[in-house]
Amino acid sequence: MTEAEITEIFIRAAEVDRKLPNTARPAHLKAVNIGIVHTFGDMSHWHADELHEVRWAWLDPKKLRATTNDVGIWEVAMEMMKLVPDPKKRRALWAWSRAQAGGIAFAKWCREIEQPGIQRQTGEWRREAAIECIFRAFARKPLQHNEKQEEPDFTNDPEIGDKRSNIEVWRAADAKPMACDFDKNLERFEWADMMNARRRQRDAEKRKRQAA
């Protein structure tokens, strides 16, 4: 899937989104006709293009109900949106798509609706980055990391585990030196004893110099 195809899907999804019912606000009145009814006398003075627009308005794709295929395109776009981890980029992509479908201008959305406000260039960069993120998700190898599995033939035991008896040798308990005994003298180290020994040595050297 190319970046142009991804962009086309989101524009189509934004067009479908305009047809979907807005459940976030109260429903419109259905029992009251608040529209303006024009009589044939009124319409007789209209221009030909206005009459044509009124007669064929019921075929306007923007006013038709969303079909099953339209809803499928919208759902695909929503699933593709999940491939963009950054919410800022997701908002920019959807706002740009809605602008292309006839909604609020993208530049106005960047300045007034996005919080905090951003420049249009920043919004364009975020939108292009979102498209690229989706494109890379489709372009990468599906089984890229599946081949890194544990080999059942390998073992967790040491390679020389069967030779441990040959490596171990007998030593006397008081044998010197041993690798584990290089710091045995530090087990009972007393700082005060060392300082007293140094003080006694200095005193002895001092008395020796005085006697000379």
N, C-alpha and C. Protein backbone atom coordinates (compact mmCIF):
# COMPACT_ATOMS: atom_id res chain seq x y z
N MET A 1 0.85 -1.19 0.00
CA MET A 1 0.00 0.00 0.00
C MET A 1 0.88 1.24 0.00
N THR A 2 0.61 2.14 -0.94
CA THR A 2 1.41 3.35 -1.07
C THR A 2 0.87 4.46 -0.16
N GLU A 3 1.66 5.52 -0.02
CA GLU A 3 1.23 6.64 0.81
C GLU A 3 0.02 7.34 0.20
N ALA A 4 -0.06 7.38 -1.14
CA ALA A 4 -1.21 8.00 -1.80
C ALA A 4 -2.49 7.21 -1.51
N GLU A 5 -2.40 5.90 -1.51
CA GLU A 5 -3.57 5.08 -1.21
C GLU A 5 -4.01 5.24 0.23
N ILE A 6 -3.04 5.35 1.14
CA ILE A 6 -3.39 5.58 2.55
C ILE A 6 -4.09 6.92 2.72
N THR A 7 -3.58 7.94 2.04
CA THR A 7 -4.22 9.26 2.11
C THR A 7 -5.63 9.21 1.57
N GLU A 8 -5.85 8.51 0.46
CA GLU A 8 -7.17 8.41 -0.13
C GLU A 8 -8.15 7.72 0.81
N ILE A 9 -7.70 6.70 1.51
CA ILE A 9 -8.57 6.00 2.45
C ILE A 9 -9.03 6.93 3.56
N PHE A 10 -8.12 7.74 4.08
CA PHE A 10 -8.50 8.64 5.17
C PHE A 10 -9.43 9.75 4.69
N ILE A 11 -9.25 10.23 3.47
CA ILE A 11 -10.18 11.24 2.94
C ILE A 11 -11.57 10.63 2.77
N ARG A 12 -11.63 9.41 2.24
CA ARG A 12 -12.92 8.73 2.10
C ARG A 12 -13.55 8.49 3.46
N ALA A 13 -12.72 8.12 4.44
CA ALA A 13 -13.26 7.88 5.79
C ALA A 13 -13.80 9.17 6.39
N ALA A 14 -13.14 10.29 6.13
CA ALA A 14 -13.63 11.57 6.64
C ALA A 14 -14.96 11.94 5.99
N GLU A 15 -15.11 11.64 4.70
CA GLU A 15 -16.38 11.89 4.03
C GLU A 15 -17.49 11.02 4.63
N VAL A 16 -17.17 9.79 4.95
CA VAL A 16 -18.16 8.91 5.58
C VAL A 16 -18.49 9.40 6.98
N ASP A 17 -17.50 9.90 7.67
CA ASP A 17 -17.71 10.37 9.04
C ASP A 17 -18.72 11.51 9.09
N ARG A 18 -18.77 12.31 8.05
CA ARG A 18 -19.75 13.40 8.00
C ARG A 18 -21.18 12.88 7.86
N LYS A 19 -21.33 11.66 7.35
CA LYS A 19 -22.66 11.07 7.21
C LYS A 19 -23.12 10.35 8.46
N LEU A 20 -22.19 9.95 9.30
CA LEU A 20 -22.54 9.19 10.49
C LEU A 20 -23.27 10.09 11.49
N PRO A 21 -24.19 9.52 12.27
CA PRO A 21 -24.93 10.33 13.26
C PRO A 21 -24.01 10.79 14.37
N ASN A 22 -24.22 12.02 14.81
CA ASN A 22 -23.43 12.60 15.90
C ASN A 22 -24.14 12.30 17.20
N THR A 23 -23.66 11.29 17.90
CA THR A 23 -24.29 10.89 19.17
C THR A 23 -23.79 11.70 20.35
N ALA A 24 -22.88 12.63 20.12
CA ALA A 24 -22.35 13.42 21.23
C ALA A 24 -23.26 14.60 21.58
N ARG A 25 -24.29 14.87 20.78
CA ARG A 25 -25.20 15.97 21.07
C ARG A 25 -26.63 15.48 20.90
N PRO A 26 -27.63 16.22 21.44
CA PRO A 26 -29.02 15.79 21.33
C PRO A 26 -29.44 15.64 19.87
N ALA A 27 -30.35 14.70 19.63
CA ALA A 27 -30.83 14.46 18.27
C ALA A 27 -31.67 15.63 17.79
N HIS A 28 -31.70 15.83 16.47
CA HIS A 28 -32.49 16.91 15.89
C HIS A 28 -33.98 16.60 16.01
N LEU A 29 -34.78 17.65 15.95
CA LEU A 29 -36.22 17.47 15.98
C LEU A 29 -36.69 16.73 14.74
N LYS A 30 -37.55 15.74 14.95
CA LYS A 30 -38.04 14.95 13.83
C LYS A 30 -39.52 15.20 13.55
N ALA A 31 -40.25 15.66 14.53
CA ALA A 31 -41.70 15.83 14.37
C ALA A 31 -42.07 17.23 13.92
N VAL A 32 -41.09 18.11 13.85
CA VAL A 32 -41.37 19.49 13.48
C VAL A 32 -40.60 19.81 12.22
N ASN A 33 -41.28 20.35 11.23
CA ASN A 33 -40.64 20.74 9.98
C ASN A 33 -40.26 22.21 10.09
N ILE A 34 -38.99 22.46 10.26
CA ILE A 34 -38.51 23.83 10.43
C ILE A 34 -37.84 24.33 9.15
N GLY A 35 -38.01 23.61 8.06
CA GLY A 35 -37.42 24.04 6.80
C GLY A 35 -38.30 25.04 6.07
N ILE A 36 -37.76 25.61 5.01
CA ILE A 36 -38.49 26.59 4.19
C ILE A 36 -39.02 25.88 2.96
N VAL A 37 -40.33 26.00 2.74
CA VAL A 37 -40.97 25.35 1.60
C VAL A 37 -41.21 26.41 0.52
N HIS A 38 -40.66 26.17 -0.64
CA HIS A 38 -40.84 27.09 -1.76
C HIS A 38 -41.95 26.57 -2.66
N THR A 39 -42.82 27.46 -3.06
CA THR A 39 -43.90 27.10 -3.97
C THR A 39 -43.38 27.12 -5.40
N PHE A 40 -44.18 26.56 -6.31
CA PHE A 40 -43.80 26.58 -7.70
C PHE A 40 -43.77 28.01 -8.25
N GLY A 41 -44.60 28.90 -7.64
CA GLY A 41 -44.55 30.29 -8.06
C GLY A 41 -43.23 30.93 -7.71
N ASP A 42 -42.72 30.61 -6.53
CA ASP A 42 -41.40 31.14 -6.14
C ASP A 42 -40.30 30.59 -7.04
N MET A 43 -40.39 29.32 -7.33
CA MET A 43 -39.33 28.69 -8.10
C MET A 43 -39.38 29.06 -9.58
N SER A 44 -40.50 29.61 -10.02
CA SER A 44 -40.59 29.98 -11.44
C SER A 44 -39.67 31.13 -11.80
N HIS A 45 -39.25 31.91 -10.81
CA HIS A 45 -38.36 33.04 -11.06
C HIS A 45 -36.89 32.68 -10.85
N TRP A 46 -36.60 31.44 -10.52
CA TRP A 46 -35.22 31.04 -10.27
C TRP A 46 -34.49 30.79 -11.57
N HIS A 47 -33.17 30.85 -11.48
CA HIS A 47 -32.35 30.56 -12.65
C HIS A 47 -32.31 29.05 -12.89
N ALA A 48 -31.89 28.69 -14.09
CA ALA A 48 -31.88 27.27 -14.47
C ALA A 48 -30.93 26.45 -13.60
N ASP A 49 -29.78 27.03 -13.24
CA ASP A 49 -28.83 26.28 -12.42
C ASP A 49 -29.38 26.06 -11.02
N GLU A 50 -30.11 27.02 -10.46
CA GLU A 50 -30.71 26.84 -9.14
C GLU A 50 -31.80 25.76 -9.16
N LEU A 51 -32.61 25.76 -10.21
CA LEU A 51 -33.64 24.72 -10.34
C LEU A 51 -33.01 23.34 -10.47
N HIS A 52 -31.96 23.26 -11.24
CA HIS A 52 -31.27 21.97 -11.40
C HIS A 52 -30.70 21.48 -10.07
N GLU A 53 -30.16 22.41 -9.28
CA GLU A 53 -29.58 22.03 -7.99
C GLU A 53 -30.65 21.51 -7.04
N VAL A 54 -31.81 22.14 -7.03
CA VAL A 54 -32.89 21.71 -6.14
C VAL A 54 -33.44 20.36 -6.57
N ARG A 55 -33.60 20.17 -7.86
CA ARG A 55 -34.20 18.94 -8.35
C ARG A 55 -33.32 17.72 -8.10
N TRP A 56 -32.02 17.91 -8.19
CA TRP A 56 -31.11 16.79 -8.05
C TRP A 56 -30.35 16.79 -6.72
N ALA A 57 -30.82 17.56 -5.75
CA ALA A 57 -30.14 17.61 -4.45
C ALA A 57 -30.21 16.28 -3.72
N TRP A 58 -31.27 15.50 -3.99
CA TRP A 58 -31.42 14.23 -3.29
C TRP A 58 -30.37 13.20 -3.72
N LEU A 59 -29.69 13.51 -4.84
CA LEU A 59 -28.63 12.61 -5.29
C LEU A 59 -27.24 13.07 -4.85
N ASP A 60 -27.16 14.11 -4.04
CA ASP A 60 -25.88 14.60 -3.56
C ASP A 60 -25.24 13.54 -2.68
N PRO A 61 -24.03 13.06 -2.99
CA PRO A 61 -23.41 12.00 -2.16
C PRO A 61 -23.23 12.41 -0.71
N LYS A 62 -23.07 13.71 -0.45
CA LYS A 62 -22.86 14.15 0.93
C LYS A 62 -24.13 14.03 1.76
N LYS A 63 -25.30 13.97 1.09
CA LYS A 63 -26.56 13.89 1.81
C LYS A 63 -27.13 12.48 1.85
N LEU A 64 -26.51 11.56 1.16
CA LEU A 64 -26.98 10.20 1.17
C LEU A 64 -26.53 9.49 2.43
N ARG A 65 -27.22 8.44 2.79
CA ARG A 65 -26.86 7.65 3.95
C ARG A 65 -25.58 6.86 3.67
N ALA A 66 -24.85 6.58 4.73
CA ALA A 66 -23.63 5.79 4.59
C ALA A 66 -23.99 4.34 4.31
N THR A 67 -23.36 3.76 3.33
CA THR A 67 -23.59 2.36 2.99
C THR A 67 -22.69 1.45 3.83
N THR A 68 -22.90 0.16 3.68
CA THR A 68 -22.06 -0.80 4.40
C THR A 68 -20.61 -0.68 3.97
N ASN A 69 -20.39 -0.45 2.69
CA ASN A 69 -19.02 -0.29 2.20
C ASN A 69 -18.36 0.97 2.78
N ASP A 70 -19.16 2.04 2.89
CA ASP A 70 -18.64 3.28 3.47
C ASP A 70 -18.22 3.06 4.92
N VAL A 71 -19.07 2.39 5.67
CA VAL A 71 -18.73 2.12 7.08
C VAL A 71 -17.50 1.23 7.17
N GLY A 72 -17.35 0.30 6.23
CA GLY A 72 -16.15 -0.54 6.22
C GLY A 72 -14.89 0.26 5.99
N ILE A 73 -14.95 1.23 5.07
CA ILE A 73 -13.79 2.10 4.83
C ILE A 73 -13.46 2.90 6.08
N TRP A 74 -14.50 3.40 6.75
CA TRP A 74 -14.29 4.18 7.98
C TRP A 74 -13.63 3.32 9.06
N GLU A 75 -14.07 2.07 9.21
CA GLU A 75 -13.50 1.19 10.22
C GLU A 75 -12.05 0.84 9.88
N VAL A 76 -11.76 0.66 8.59
CA VAL A 76 -10.37 0.38 8.19
C VAL A 76 -9.47 1.56 8.54
N ALA A 77 -9.95 2.77 8.29
CA ALA A 77 -9.15 3.96 8.62
C ALA A 77 -8.91 4.06 10.11
N MET A 78 -9.91 3.71 10.92
CA MET A 78 -9.73 3.77 12.37
C MET A 78 -8.71 2.73 12.84
N GLU A 79 -8.70 1.56 12.21
CA GLU A 79 -7.71 0.54 12.57
C GLU A 79 -6.31 0.97 12.14
N MET A 80 -6.21 1.60 10.98
CA MET A 80 -4.91 2.10 10.52
C MET A 80 -4.41 3.22 11.41
N MET A 81 -5.33 4.00 11.97
CA MET A 81 -4.93 5.09 12.86
C MET A 81 -4.22 4.56 14.10
N LYS A 82 -4.54 3.33 14.50
CA LYS A 82 -3.90 2.75 15.68
C LYS A 82 -2.41 2.48 15.46
N LEU A 83 -1.98 2.46 14.21
CA LEU A 83 -0.57 2.22 13.91
C LEU A 83 0.30 3.44 14.15
N VAL A 84 -0.33 4.58 14.46
CA VAL A 84 0.40 5.83 14.75
C VAL A 84 0.44 5.99 16.27
N PRO A 85 1.59 5.83 16.91
CA PRO A 85 1.63 5.88 18.37
C PRO A 85 1.46 7.28 18.95
N ASP A 86 1.82 8.33 18.21
CA ASP A 86 1.78 9.69 18.72
C ASP A 86 0.39 10.27 18.54
N PRO A 87 -0.31 10.66 19.62
CA PRO A 87 -1.66 11.22 19.47
C PRO A 87 -1.68 12.55 18.72
N LYS A 88 -0.62 13.34 18.81
CA LYS A 88 -0.58 14.61 18.08
C LYS A 88 -0.60 14.38 16.58
N LYS A 89 0.14 13.39 16.13
CA LYS A 89 0.16 13.07 14.71
C LYS A 89 -1.17 12.49 14.26
N ARG A 90 -1.81 11.71 15.12
CA ARG A 90 -3.13 11.17 14.77
C ARG A 90 -4.15 12.29 14.62
N ARG A 91 -4.13 13.25 15.53
CA ARG A 91 -5.09 14.35 15.42
C ARG A 91 -4.85 15.18 14.17
N ALA A 92 -3.58 15.41 13.83
CA ALA A 92 -3.27 16.20 12.64
C ALA A 92 -3.74 15.48 11.38
N LEU A 93 -3.53 14.18 11.31
CA LEU A 93 -3.95 13.42 10.13
C LEU A 93 -5.46 13.45 9.98
N TRP A 94 -6.18 13.27 11.07
CA TRP A 94 -7.65 13.25 10.97
C TRP A 94 -8.21 14.64 10.67
N ALA A 95 -7.64 15.68 11.26
CA ALA A 95 -8.09 17.04 10.97
C ALA A 95 -7.84 17.40 9.51
N TRP A 96 -6.71 17.00 8.97
CA TRP A 96 -6.42 17.27 7.55
C TRP A 96 -7.38 16.51 6.65
N SER A 97 -7.69 15.27 7.01
CA SER A 97 -8.62 14.47 6.21
C SER A 97 -10.02 15.09 6.23
N ARG A 98 -10.45 15.55 7.39
CA ARG A 98 -11.77 16.18 7.47
C ARG A 98 -11.80 17.49 6.68
N ALA A 99 -10.69 18.21 6.65
CA ALA A 99 -10.63 19.43 5.85
C ALA A 99 -10.75 19.12 4.37
N GLN A 100 -10.11 18.04 3.93
CA GLN A 100 -10.20 17.65 2.53
C GLN A 100 -11.60 17.18 2.16
N ALA A 101 -12.36 16.71 3.15
CA ALA A 101 -13.72 16.23 2.91
C ALA A 101 -14.76 17.33 3.02
N GLY A 102 -14.31 18.57 3.18
CA GLY A 102 -15.25 19.68 3.25
C GLY A 102 -15.47 20.23 4.64
N GLY A 103 -14.68 19.82 5.60
CA GLY A 103 -14.83 20.33 6.96
C GLY A 103 -14.07 21.62 7.18
N ILE A 104 -13.75 21.88 8.44
CA ILE A 104 -13.03 23.10 8.80
C ILE A 104 -11.66 23.11 8.16
N ALA A 105 -11.20 24.27 7.75
CA ALA A 105 -9.91 24.39 7.09
C ALA A 105 -8.80 23.91 8.03
N PHE A 106 -7.81 23.24 7.45
CA PHE A 106 -6.74 22.67 8.26
C PHE A 106 -5.92 23.76 8.94
N ALA A 107 -5.68 24.87 8.26
CA ALA A 107 -4.91 25.96 8.87
C ALA A 107 -5.65 26.53 10.08
N LYS A 108 -6.95 26.65 9.98
CA LYS A 108 -7.73 27.15 11.11
C LYS A 108 -7.72 26.17 12.25
N TRP A 109 -7.79 24.89 11.93
CA TRP A 109 -7.72 23.88 12.99
C TRP A 109 -6.40 23.97 13.73
N CYS A 110 -5.31 24.17 12.98
CA CYS A 110 -3.98 24.25 13.61
C CYS A 110 -3.90 25.46 14.54
N ARG A 111 -4.46 26.58 14.13
CA ARG A 111 -4.34 27.81 14.93
C ARG A 111 -5.30 27.85 16.10
N GLU A 112 -6.54 27.40 15.93
CA GLU A 112 -7.58 27.67 16.91
C GLU A 112 -8.04 26.43 17.68
N ILE A 113 -8.07 25.29 17.06
CA ILE A 113 -8.65 24.12 17.72
C ILE A 113 -7.58 23.29 18.42
N GLU A 114 -6.48 23.03 17.75
CA GLU A 114 -5.41 22.26 18.38
C GLU A 114 -4.84 23.04 19.55
N GLN A 115 -4.69 22.37 20.69
CA GLN A 115 -4.18 23.01 21.90
C GLN A 115 -2.86 22.36 22.31
N PRO A 116 -1.81 23.18 22.46
CA PRO A 116 -1.77 24.60 22.09
C PRO A 116 -1.72 24.78 20.58
N GLY A 117 -2.04 25.99 20.13
CA GLY A 117 -2.06 26.26 18.70
C GLY A 117 -0.70 26.05 18.05
N ILE A 118 -0.71 25.61 16.82
CA ILE A 118 0.52 25.34 16.09
C ILE A 118 0.45 25.99 14.71
N GLN A 119 1.59 26.08 14.05
CA GLN A 119 1.63 26.57 12.69
C GLN A 119 1.16 25.48 11.73
N ARG A 120 0.69 25.92 10.56
CA ARG A 120 0.23 24.95 9.57
C ARG A 120 1.38 24.03 9.14
N GLN A 121 2.60 24.58 9.05
CA GLN A 121 3.73 23.75 8.65
C GLN A 121 3.95 22.61 9.65
N THR A 122 3.77 22.92 10.94
CA THR A 122 3.91 21.88 11.96
C THR A 122 2.83 20.82 11.80
N GLY A 123 1.60 21.27 11.53
CA GLY A 123 0.53 20.33 11.30
C GLY A 123 0.76 19.45 10.08
N GLU A 124 1.29 20.04 9.01
CA GLU A 124 1.60 19.26 7.83
C GLU A 124 2.68 18.23 8.11
N TRP A 125 3.68 18.63 8.90
CA TRP A 125 4.75 17.68 9.24
C TRP A 125 4.19 16.51 10.05
N ARG A 126 3.31 16.81 11.00
CA ARG A 126 2.72 15.74 11.80
C ARG A 126 1.85 14.83 10.94
N ARG A 127 1.11 15.41 10.01
CA ARG A 127 0.26 14.60 9.14
C ARG A 127 1.10 13.69 8.25
N GLU A 128 2.16 14.23 7.66
CA GLU A 128 3.03 13.41 6.81
C GLU A 128 3.74 12.34 7.63
N ALA A 129 4.13 12.66 8.87
CA ALA A 129 4.78 11.66 9.72
C ALA A 129 3.82 10.53 10.06
N ALA A 130 2.55 10.84 10.26
CA ALA A 130 1.55 9.81 10.55
C ALA A 130 1.37 8.89 9.34
N ILE A 131 1.29 9.48 8.14
CA ILE A 131 1.17 8.67 6.93
C ILE A 131 2.39 7.77 6.76
N GLU A 132 3.57 8.31 7.01
CA GLU A 132 4.80 7.51 6.87
C GLU A 132 4.84 6.38 7.88
N CYS A 133 4.33 6.64 9.08
CA CYS A 133 4.31 5.60 10.12
C CYS A 133 3.41 4.44 9.69
N ILE A 134 2.25 4.76 9.12
CA ILE A 134 1.34 3.71 8.64
C ILE A 134 1.97 2.97 7.45
N PHE A 135 2.61 3.72 6.57
CA PHE A 135 3.24 3.11 5.40
C PHE A 135 4.33 2.13 5.81
N ARG A 136 5.15 2.50 6.80
CA ARG A 136 6.21 1.60 7.24
C ARG A 136 5.64 0.36 7.92
N ALA A 137 4.51 0.52 8.61
CA ALA A 137 3.90 -0.64 9.26
C ALA A 137 3.44 -1.67 8.23
N PHE A 138 2.96 -1.21 7.09
CA PHE A 138 2.54 -2.13 6.03
C PHE A 138 3.73 -2.64 5.21
N ALA A 139 4.80 -1.86 5.14
CA ALA A 139 5.92 -2.22 4.27
C ALA A 139 6.89 -3.19 4.92
N ARG A 140 6.96 -3.23 6.24
CA ARG A 140 7.96 -4.09 6.87
C ARG A 140 7.56 -5.56 6.76
N LYS A 141 8.55 -6.40 6.95
CA LYS A 141 8.37 -7.85 6.82
C LYS A 141 7.48 -8.37 7.94
N PRO A 142 6.38 -9.08 7.63
CA PRO A 142 5.49 -9.54 8.70
C PRO A 142 6.15 -10.51 9.67
N LEU A 143 7.05 -11.37 9.17
CA LEU A 143 7.69 -12.39 10.00
C LEU A 143 9.10 -11.98 10.39
N GLN A 144 9.31 -10.69 10.57
CA GLN A 144 10.67 -10.20 10.79
C GLN A 144 11.27 -10.74 12.08
N HIS A 145 10.48 -10.83 13.14
CA HIS A 145 11.01 -11.23 14.44
C HIS A 145 10.52 -12.63 14.85
N ASN A 146 9.83 -13.32 13.99
CA ASN A 146 9.30 -14.62 14.37
C ASN A 146 10.35 -15.72 14.31
N GLU A 147 11.46 -15.50 13.58
CA GLU A 147 12.44 -16.56 13.45
C GLU A 147 13.34 -16.66 14.67
N LYS A 148 13.27 -15.71 15.59
CA LYS A 148 14.13 -15.72 16.77
C LYS A 148 13.43 -16.49 17.88
N GLN A 149 13.43 -17.82 17.78
CA GLN A 149 12.79 -18.67 18.77
C GLN A 149 13.84 -19.52 19.46
N GLU A 150 13.47 -20.05 20.59
CA GLU A 150 14.38 -20.89 21.37
C GLU A 150 14.63 -22.22 20.65
N GLU A 151 15.90 -22.60 20.59
CA GLU A 151 16.26 -23.86 19.97
C GLU A 151 16.04 -24.99 20.97
N PRO A 152 15.21 -25.97 20.65
CA PRO A 152 14.95 -27.04 21.63
C PRO A 152 16.14 -27.95 21.85
N ASP A 153 17.10 -27.97 20.91
CA ASP A 153 18.25 -28.87 21.05
C ASP A 153 19.30 -28.33 22.02
N PHE A 154 19.26 -27.05 22.33
CA PHE A 154 20.25 -26.48 23.23
C PHE A 154 19.92 -26.85 24.67
N THR A 155 20.95 -26.88 25.50
CA THR A 155 20.78 -27.21 26.91
C THR A 155 21.26 -26.06 27.77
N ASN A 156 20.70 -25.95 28.95
CA ASN A 156 21.09 -24.90 29.88
C ASN A 156 22.17 -25.35 30.85
N ASP A 157 22.59 -26.64 30.79
CA ASP A 157 23.63 -27.13 31.69
C ASP A 157 25.00 -26.66 31.22
N PRO A 158 25.98 -26.52 32.13
CA PRO A 158 27.33 -26.11 31.73
C PRO A 158 27.94 -27.14 30.76
N GLU A 159 28.76 -26.64 29.86
CA GLU A 159 29.36 -27.52 28.86
C GLU A 159 30.32 -28.52 29.49
N ILE A 160 30.95 -28.16 30.62
CA ILE A 160 31.92 -29.04 31.28
C ILE A 160 31.33 -29.62 32.56
N GLY A 161 30.03 -29.68 32.63
CA GLY A 161 29.41 -30.22 33.84
C GLY A 161 29.76 -31.66 34.10
N ASP A 162 29.97 -32.45 33.04
CA ASP A 162 30.31 -33.86 33.22
C ASP A 162 31.77 -34.06 33.59
N LYS A 163 32.59 -33.00 33.53
CA LYS A 163 34.02 -33.11 33.85
C LYS A 163 34.35 -32.44 35.19
N ARG A 164 33.34 -32.14 35.98
CA ARG A 164 33.60 -31.45 37.24
C ARG A 164 34.45 -32.29 38.19
N SER A 165 34.25 -33.61 38.21
CA SER A 165 35.03 -34.46 39.12
C SER A 165 36.50 -34.47 38.74
N ASN A 166 36.81 -34.28 37.46
CA ASN A 166 38.21 -34.27 37.03
C ASN A 166 38.90 -32.95 37.35
N ILE A 167 38.13 -31.89 37.42
CA ILE A 167 38.72 -30.58 37.66
C ILE A 167 39.03 -30.39 39.13
N GLU A 168 38.19 -30.92 39.99
CA GLU A 168 38.40 -30.74 41.42
C GLU A 168 39.62 -31.56 41.86
N VAL A 169 40.56 -30.95 42.64
CA VAL A 169 41.75 -31.62 43.15
C VAL A 169 41.80 -31.45 44.66
N TRP A 170 42.53 -32.36 45.32
CA TRP A 170 42.61 -32.31 46.78
C TRP A 170 43.69 -31.34 47.21
N ARG A 171 43.42 -30.54 48.23
CA ARG A 171 44.40 -29.65 48.85
C ARG A 171 44.25 -29.74 50.36
N ALA A 172 45.36 -29.55 51.03
CA ALA A 172 45.31 -29.53 52.49
C ALA A 172 44.58 -28.30 52.97
N ALA A 173 44.01 -28.38 54.13
CA ALA A 173 43.20 -27.27 54.65
C ALA A 173 44.04 -26.02 54.86
N ASP A 174 45.33 -26.20 55.26
CA ASP A 174 46.20 -25.06 55.52
C ASP A 174 47.13 -24.74 54.36
N ALA A 175 46.81 -25.26 53.18
CA ALA A 175 47.67 -25.01 52.03
C ALA A 175 47.62 -23.54 51.64
N LYS A 176 48.78 -23.00 51.24
CA LYS A 176 48.90 -21.60 50.84
C LYS A 176 49.66 -21.53 49.52
N PRO A 177 49.42 -20.60 48.67
CA PRO A 177 48.26 -19.70 48.75
C PRO A 177 47.05 -20.31 48.06
N MET A 178 45.91 -19.79 48.35
CA MET A 178 44.68 -20.18 47.68
C MET A 178 43.99 -18.92 47.16
N ALA A 179 43.32 -19.08 46.06
CA ALA A 179 42.68 -17.91 45.44
C ALA A 179 41.63 -17.29 46.34
N CYS A 180 41.00 -18.13 47.14
CA CYS A 180 39.95 -17.61 48.02
C CYS A 180 40.50 -17.07 49.33
N ASP A 181 41.86 -17.22 49.57
CA ASP A 181 42.44 -16.79 50.83
C ASP A 181 43.29 -15.55 50.69
N PHE A 182 43.24 -14.86 49.54
CA PHE A 182 44.14 -13.72 49.37
C PHE A 182 43.77 -12.57 50.30
N ASP A 183 42.56 -12.52 50.82
CA ASP A 183 42.16 -11.43 51.70
C ASP A 183 41.73 -11.95 53.06
N LYS A 184 42.26 -13.09 53.48
CA LYS A 184 41.91 -13.63 54.78
C LYS A 184 42.31 -12.70 55.92
N ASN A 185 43.43 -11.96 55.74
CA ASN A 185 43.89 -11.07 56.79
C ASN A 185 42.94 -9.91 57.04
N LEU A 186 42.02 -9.66 56.14
CA LEU A 186 41.10 -8.55 56.30
C LEU A 186 39.82 -8.93 57.04
N GLU A 187 39.68 -10.21 57.39
CA GLU A 187 38.45 -10.62 58.06
C GLU A 187 38.34 -10.00 59.44
N ARG A 188 39.47 -9.90 60.19
CA ARG A 188 39.43 -9.35 61.54
C ARG A 188 40.29 -8.08 61.61
N PHE A 189 40.17 -7.24 60.65
CA PHE A 189 40.95 -6.01 60.58
C PHE A 189 40.38 -4.99 61.58
N GLU A 190 41.28 -4.45 62.39
CA GLU A 190 40.90 -3.43 63.38
C GLU A 190 41.69 -2.17 63.07
N TRP A 191 40.99 -1.09 62.82
CA TRP A 191 41.64 0.17 62.49
C TRP A 191 42.42 0.73 63.67
N ALA A 192 41.88 0.57 64.85
CA ALA A 192 42.55 1.10 66.05
C ALA A 192 43.88 0.38 66.30
N ASP A 193 43.92 -0.94 66.08
CA ASP A 193 45.16 -1.68 66.28
C ASP A 193 46.23 -1.21 65.31
N MET A 194 45.86 -0.95 64.07
CA MET A 194 46.83 -0.50 63.10
C MET A 194 47.37 0.87 63.45
N MET A 195 46.51 1.77 63.91
CA MET A 195 46.96 3.10 64.28
C MET A 195 47.87 3.06 65.50
N ASN A 196 47.58 2.19 66.47
CA ASN A 196 48.44 2.06 67.65
C ASN A 196 49.81 1.51 67.27
N ALA A 197 49.82 0.56 66.32
CA ALA A 197 51.10 0.01 65.88
C ALA A 197 51.93 1.08 65.19
N ARG A 198 51.34 1.91 64.39
CA ARG A 198 52.07 2.99 63.72
C ARG A 198 52.57 4.01 64.75
N ARG A 199 51.73 4.30 65.76
CA ARG A 199 52.16 5.26 66.78
C ARG A 199 53.34 4.72 67.56
N ARG A 200 53.33 3.45 67.90
CA ARG A 200 54.44 2.86 68.64
C ARG A 200 55.70 2.87 67.79
N GLN A 201 55.54 2.63 66.48
CA GLN A 201 56.72 2.66 65.62
C GLN A 201 57.31 4.06 65.54
N ARG A 202 56.47 5.10 65.44
CA ARG A 202 56.98 6.46 65.40
C ARG A 202 57.67 6.83 66.71
N ASP A 203 57.11 6.40 67.84
CA ASP A 203 57.73 6.70 69.14
C ASP A 203 59.10 6.03 69.26
N ALA A 204 59.18 4.79 68.76
CA ALA A 204 60.46 4.08 68.84
C ALA A 204 61.50 4.77 67.99
N GLU A 205 61.13 5.22 66.78
CA GLU A 205 62.08 5.93 65.92
C GLU A 205 62.48 7.26 66.53
N LYS A 206 61.55 7.93 67.21
CA LYS A 206 61.87 9.22 67.84
C LYS A 206 62.88 9.04 68.97
N ARG A 207 62.65 8.00 69.80
CA ARG A 207 63.60 7.75 70.91
C ARG A 207 64.97 7.35 70.37
N LYS A 208 65.03 6.65 69.27
CA LYS A 208 66.28 6.24 68.71
C LYS A 208 67.05 7.48 68.22
N ARG A 209 66.34 8.44 67.60
CA ARG A 209 67.05 9.65 67.13
C ARG A 209 67.53 10.49 68.32
N GLN A 210 66.73 10.54 69.39
CA GLN A 210 67.15 11.33 70.55
C GLN A 210 68.36 10.68 71.22
N ALA A 211 68.42 9.36 71.26
CA ALA A 211 69.55 8.69 71.90
C ALA A 211 70.84 8.86 71.09
N ALA A 212 70.73 9.01 69.80
CA ALA A 212 71.91 9.20 68.97
C ALA A 212 72.44 10.61 69.14
